Amino acid sequence: MILSLRRIYRFLMFKEEKKLVKDGVYGLVRHPLYLGDSIWPVGWSLIWMKLCSLILTPIWLLFYIITTFYEERGLEEEFGDEYREYKKRVRRIIPLVY
């Protein structure tokens, strides 16, 4: 408990300078979490082949695509030209495609 409070205190009092991560998985896609979260509903809808999953999966994917636009707007404001250059080199969600 005390350790957790200490971490919160450090976070609030000593905000570290934020750094844009461009290596590792972020060198392949800009939103790797959304890629992972998009794979499982597609897999489940293919396994179940139920009408509701076939309808909800595209809605789920559309939600993630829309969310990335809002997130990237904030990242461009925060990191500026560095993020714009990163966007030119790295795909949004699907490596080599989108």
N, C-alpha and C. Protein backbone atom coordinates (compact mmCIF):
# COMPACT_ATOMS: atom_id res chain seq x y z
N MET A 1 0.82 -1.19 0.00
CA MET A 1 0.00 0.00 0.00
C MET A 1 0.87 1.26 0.00
N ILE A 2 1.85 1.28 0.88
CA ILE A 2 2.72 2.45 0.96
C ILE A 2 3.52 2.59 -0.32
N LEU A 3 3.95 1.47 -0.88
CA LEU A 3 4.71 1.51 -2.13
C LEU A 3 3.86 2.11 -3.25
N SER A 4 2.59 1.75 -3.31
CA SER A 4 1.69 2.30 -4.32
C SER A 4 1.50 3.79 -4.14
N LEU A 5 1.33 4.23 -2.91
CA LEU A 5 1.18 5.66 -2.65
C LEU A 5 2.45 6.42 -3.03
N ARG A 6 3.59 5.80 -2.80
CA ARG A 6 4.85 6.43 -3.15
C ARG A 6 4.95 6.60 -4.66
N ARG A 7 4.52 5.61 -5.42
CA ARG A 7 4.54 5.72 -6.89
C ARG A 7 3.61 6.83 -7.37
N ILE A 8 2.44 6.90 -6.78
CA ILE A 8 1.49 7.95 -7.16
C ILE A 8 2.09 9.32 -6.86
N TYR A 9 2.70 9.46 -5.70
CA TYR A 9 3.31 10.73 -5.32
C TYR A 9 4.41 11.12 -6.31
N ARG A 10 5.26 10.17 -6.66
CA ARG A 10 6.32 10.46 -7.62
C ARG A 10 5.75 10.87 -8.97
N PHE A 11 4.70 10.19 -9.38
CA PHE A 11 4.08 10.52 -10.66
C PHE A 11 3.52 11.94 -10.65
N LEU A 12 2.87 12.31 -9.57
CA LEU A 12 2.26 13.63 -9.50
C LEU A 12 3.29 14.74 -9.30
N MET A 13 4.32 14.47 -8.53
CA MET A 13 5.27 15.51 -8.20
C MET A 13 6.42 15.64 -9.20
N PHE A 14 6.82 14.55 -9.79
CA PHE A 14 7.99 14.57 -10.67
C PHE A 14 7.62 13.99 -12.03
N LYS A 15 6.85 14.72 -12.76
CA LYS A 15 6.46 14.23 -14.08
C LYS A 15 7.69 14.19 -14.97
N GLU A 16 7.93 13.01 -15.50
CA GLU A 16 9.07 12.84 -16.38
C GLU A 16 8.73 13.39 -17.77
N GLU A 17 9.75 13.80 -18.46
CA GLU A 17 9.54 14.26 -19.82
C GLU A 17 9.10 13.07 -20.67
N LYS A 18 8.04 13.26 -21.42
CA LYS A 18 7.52 12.17 -22.24
C LYS A 18 8.37 12.00 -23.48
N LYS A 19 8.53 10.76 -23.88
CA LYS A 19 9.36 10.43 -25.03
C LYS A 19 8.53 9.57 -25.98
N LEU A 20 8.62 9.86 -27.26
CA LEU A 20 7.91 9.09 -28.26
C LEU A 20 8.65 7.78 -28.50
N VAL A 21 7.96 6.67 -28.28
CA VAL A 21 8.56 5.35 -28.48
C VAL A 21 8.37 4.96 -29.94
N LYS A 22 9.49 4.68 -30.62
CA LYS A 22 9.43 4.36 -32.04
C LYS A 22 10.11 3.04 -32.37
N ASP A 23 10.58 2.33 -31.36
CA ASP A 23 11.27 1.08 -31.63
C ASP A 23 10.44 -0.10 -31.12
N GLY A 24 10.94 -1.29 -31.34
CA GLY A 24 10.20 -2.48 -30.94
C GLY A 24 8.95 -2.65 -31.78
N VAL A 25 7.88 -3.03 -31.14
CA VAL A 25 6.63 -3.25 -31.86
C VAL A 25 6.09 -1.94 -32.45
N TYR A 26 6.44 -0.82 -31.82
CA TYR A 26 6.01 0.48 -32.33
C TYR A 26 6.75 0.87 -33.61
N GLY A 27 7.76 0.14 -33.96
CA GLY A 27 8.42 0.33 -35.24
C GLY A 27 7.68 -0.36 -36.38
N LEU A 28 6.73 -1.23 -36.03
CA LEU A 28 5.93 -1.93 -37.03
C LEU A 28 4.56 -1.31 -37.21
N VAL A 29 3.91 -0.96 -36.11
CA VAL A 29 2.59 -0.32 -36.15
C VAL A 29 2.52 0.76 -35.08
N ARG A 30 1.71 1.78 -35.34
CA ARG A 30 1.59 2.87 -34.38
C ARG A 30 0.66 2.52 -33.22
N HIS A 31 -0.24 1.57 -33.41
CA HIS A 31 -1.20 1.20 -32.37
C HIS A 31 -1.23 -0.32 -32.19
N PRO A 32 -0.18 -0.90 -31.62
CA PRO A 32 -0.13 -2.36 -31.50
C PRO A 32 -1.22 -2.93 -30.59
N LEU A 33 -1.63 -2.20 -29.59
CA LEU A 33 -2.70 -2.69 -28.72
C LEU A 33 -4.00 -2.85 -29.50
N TYR A 34 -4.29 -1.90 -30.36
CA TYR A 34 -5.50 -2.00 -31.17
C TYR A 34 -5.41 -3.14 -32.17
N LEU A 35 -4.23 -3.40 -32.67
CA LEU A 35 -4.05 -4.55 -33.56
C LEU A 35 -4.39 -5.84 -32.81
N GLY A 36 -3.84 -5.99 -31.62
CA GLY A 36 -4.12 -7.18 -30.83
C GLY A 36 -5.58 -7.30 -30.45
N ASP A 37 -6.16 -6.18 -30.06
CA ASP A 37 -7.58 -6.19 -29.69
C ASP A 37 -8.49 -6.40 -30.89
N SER A 38 -8.00 -6.19 -32.08
CA SER A 38 -8.81 -6.40 -33.28
C SER A 38 -8.75 -7.83 -33.78
N ILE A 39 -7.69 -8.53 -33.44
CA ILE A 39 -7.52 -9.89 -33.95
C ILE A 39 -8.52 -10.85 -33.31
N TRP A 40 -8.71 -10.75 -32.00
CA TRP A 40 -9.56 -11.75 -31.35
C TRP A 40 -11.03 -11.65 -31.76
N PRO A 41 -11.65 -10.46 -31.95
CA PRO A 41 -13.04 -10.48 -32.39
C PRO A 41 -13.20 -11.04 -33.80
N VAL A 42 -12.21 -10.79 -34.65
CA VAL A 42 -12.27 -11.35 -35.99
C VAL A 42 -12.20 -12.88 -35.91
N GLY A 43 -11.29 -13.37 -35.08
CA GLY A 43 -11.18 -14.82 -34.90
C GLY A 43 -12.45 -15.45 -34.35
N TRP A 44 -13.01 -14.82 -33.33
CA TRP A 44 -14.25 -15.35 -32.75
C TRP A 44 -15.40 -15.31 -33.75
N SER A 45 -15.49 -14.25 -34.51
CA SER A 45 -16.60 -14.18 -35.47
C SER A 45 -16.44 -15.24 -36.56
N LEU A 46 -15.20 -15.56 -36.92
CA LEU A 46 -14.98 -16.62 -37.90
C LEU A 46 -15.28 -18.00 -37.31
N ILE A 47 -15.00 -18.18 -36.03
CA ILE A 47 -15.28 -19.46 -35.39
C ILE A 47 -16.79 -19.64 -35.18
N TRP A 48 -17.45 -18.62 -34.64
CA TRP A 48 -18.87 -18.74 -34.32
C TRP A 48 -19.76 -18.69 -35.56
N MET A 49 -19.40 -17.83 -36.49
CA MET A 49 -20.21 -17.61 -37.69
C MET A 49 -21.68 -17.33 -37.33
N LYS A 50 -21.86 -16.54 -36.30
CA LYS A 50 -23.20 -16.12 -35.88
C LYS A 50 -23.46 -14.72 -36.43
N LEU A 51 -24.71 -14.43 -36.67
CA LEU A 51 -25.08 -13.14 -37.24
C LEU A 51 -24.63 -11.99 -36.34
N CYS A 52 -24.83 -12.12 -35.04
CA CYS A 52 -24.47 -11.01 -34.14
C CYS A 52 -22.97 -10.75 -34.17
N SER A 53 -22.15 -11.79 -34.21
CA SER A 53 -20.71 -11.57 -34.24
C SER A 53 -20.27 -11.00 -35.59
N LEU A 54 -20.94 -11.40 -36.65
CA LEU A 54 -20.59 -10.86 -37.96
C LEU A 54 -21.01 -9.40 -38.10
N ILE A 55 -22.00 -8.98 -37.33
CA ILE A 55 -22.43 -7.57 -37.34
C ILE A 55 -21.57 -6.74 -36.38
N LEU A 56 -21.30 -7.28 -35.20
CA LEU A 56 -20.59 -6.51 -34.18
C LEU A 56 -19.09 -6.36 -34.46
N THR A 57 -18.48 -7.32 -35.11
CA THR A 57 -17.04 -7.24 -35.37
C THR A 57 -16.67 -6.02 -36.23
N PRO A 58 -17.34 -5.76 -37.34
CA PRO A 58 -16.99 -4.54 -38.09
C PRO A 58 -17.22 -3.26 -37.29
N ILE A 59 -18.24 -3.25 -36.44
CA ILE A 59 -18.49 -2.08 -35.59
C ILE A 59 -17.33 -1.90 -34.62
N TRP A 60 -16.87 -3.00 -34.04
CA TRP A 60 -15.73 -3.00 -33.12
C TRP A 60 -14.50 -2.43 -33.82
N LEU A 61 -14.23 -2.92 -35.02
CA LEU A 61 -13.05 -2.47 -35.77
C LEU A 61 -13.17 -1.00 -36.16
N LEU A 62 -14.35 -0.58 -36.55
CA LEU A 62 -14.58 0.83 -36.89
C LEU A 62 -14.34 1.72 -35.68
N PHE A 63 -14.77 1.28 -34.52
CA PHE A 63 -14.54 2.03 -33.29
C PHE A 63 -13.04 2.26 -33.07
N TYR A 64 -12.24 1.22 -33.26
CA TYR A 64 -10.80 1.36 -33.07
C TYR A 64 -10.19 2.30 -34.11
N ILE A 65 -10.63 2.21 -35.33
CA ILE A 65 -10.09 3.09 -36.37
C ILE A 65 -10.40 4.54 -36.05
N ILE A 66 -11.63 4.81 -35.64
CA ILE A 66 -12.02 6.18 -35.29
C ILE A 66 -11.22 6.66 -34.08
N THR A 67 -11.04 5.79 -33.11
CA THR A 67 -10.28 6.15 -31.90
C THR A 67 -8.85 6.55 -32.24
N THR A 68 -8.24 5.86 -33.20
CA THR A 68 -6.85 6.19 -33.55
C THR A 68 -6.73 7.60 -34.10
N PHE A 69 -7.73 8.07 -34.83
CA PHE A 69 -7.67 9.43 -35.36
C PHE A 69 -7.63 10.46 -34.23
N TYR A 70 -8.46 10.25 -33.21
CA TYR A 70 -8.47 11.17 -32.07
C TYR A 70 -7.17 11.09 -31.28
N GLU A 71 -6.67 9.89 -31.07
CA GLU A 71 -5.42 9.74 -30.33
C GLU A 71 -4.27 10.41 -31.07
N GLU A 72 -4.23 10.21 -32.37
CA GLU A 72 -3.11 10.76 -33.14
C GLU A 72 -3.16 12.28 -33.20
N ARG A 73 -4.33 12.84 -33.14
CA ARG A 73 -4.43 14.30 -33.10
C ARG A 73 -3.73 14.82 -31.83
N GLY A 74 -3.99 14.16 -30.71
CA GLY A 74 -3.34 14.55 -29.46
C GLY A 74 -1.84 14.31 -29.48
N LEU A 75 -1.43 13.21 -30.10
CA LEU A 75 0.01 12.91 -30.19
C LEU A 75 0.73 13.91 -31.08
N GLU A 76 0.07 14.36 -32.13
CA GLU A 76 0.68 15.39 -32.99
C GLU A 76 0.84 16.70 -32.23
N GLU A 77 -0.14 17.03 -31.40
CA GLU A 77 -0.03 18.25 -30.59
C GLU A 77 1.11 18.12 -29.58
N GLU A 78 1.25 16.94 -29.00
CA GLU A 78 2.25 16.75 -27.96
C GLU A 78 3.67 16.63 -28.51
N PHE A 79 3.84 15.87 -29.61
CA PHE A 79 5.19 15.60 -30.12
C PHE A 79 5.53 16.34 -31.41
N GLY A 80 4.55 16.96 -32.05
CA GLY A 80 4.80 17.80 -33.21
C GLY A 80 5.37 17.07 -34.42
N ASP A 81 6.42 17.65 -34.97
CA ASP A 81 7.02 17.13 -36.20
C ASP A 81 7.60 15.73 -36.03
N GLU A 82 8.06 15.43 -34.83
CA GLU A 82 8.61 14.09 -34.59
C GLU A 82 7.54 13.03 -34.83
N TYR A 83 6.32 13.29 -34.37
CA TYR A 83 5.25 12.32 -34.58
C TYR A 83 4.80 12.29 -36.04
N ARG A 84 4.79 13.43 -36.70
CA ARG A 84 4.41 13.47 -38.12
C ARG A 84 5.37 12.65 -38.98
N GLU A 85 6.65 12.73 -38.68
CA GLU A 85 7.64 11.92 -39.39
C GLU A 85 7.44 10.44 -39.10
N TYR A 86 7.14 10.14 -37.86
CA TYR A 86 6.87 8.76 -37.45
C TYR A 86 5.66 8.21 -38.21
N LYS A 87 4.62 9.03 -38.36
CA LYS A 87 3.42 8.61 -39.09
C LYS A 87 3.73 8.29 -40.55
N LYS A 88 4.67 8.99 -41.13
CA LYS A 88 5.02 8.74 -42.53
C LYS A 88 5.71 7.39 -42.70
N ARG A 89 6.44 6.95 -41.69
CA ARG A 89 7.22 5.72 -41.78
C ARG A 89 6.47 4.47 -41.32
N VAL A 90 5.57 4.61 -40.37
CA VAL A 90 4.97 3.44 -39.72
C VAL A 90 3.46 3.43 -39.96
N ARG A 91 2.93 2.26 -40.28
CA ARG A 91 1.49 2.11 -40.54
C ARG A 91 0.68 2.24 -39.26
N ARG A 92 -0.59 2.54 -39.42
CA ARG A 92 -1.47 2.81 -38.28
C ARG A 92 -1.74 1.56 -37.44
N ILE A 93 -2.36 0.53 -38.01
CA ILE A 93 -2.76 -0.64 -37.22
C ILE A 93 -2.22 -1.94 -37.80
N ILE A 94 -2.30 -2.10 -39.10
CA ILE A 94 -1.90 -3.37 -39.73
C ILE A 94 -0.57 -3.16 -40.45
N PRO A 95 0.48 -3.88 -40.06
CA PRO A 95 1.79 -3.69 -40.70
C PRO A 95 1.72 -3.89 -42.21
N LEU A 96 2.37 -3.01 -42.94
CA LEU A 96 2.48 -3.04 -44.40
C LEU A 96 1.16 -2.83 -45.14
N VAL A 97 0.05 -2.63 -44.42
CA VAL A 97 -1.25 -2.47 -45.08
C VAL A 97 -1.90 -1.15 -44.72
N TYR A 98 -2.25 -0.97 -43.43
CA TYR A 98 -2.98 0.23 -43.01
C TYR A 98 -2.41 0.75 -41.72
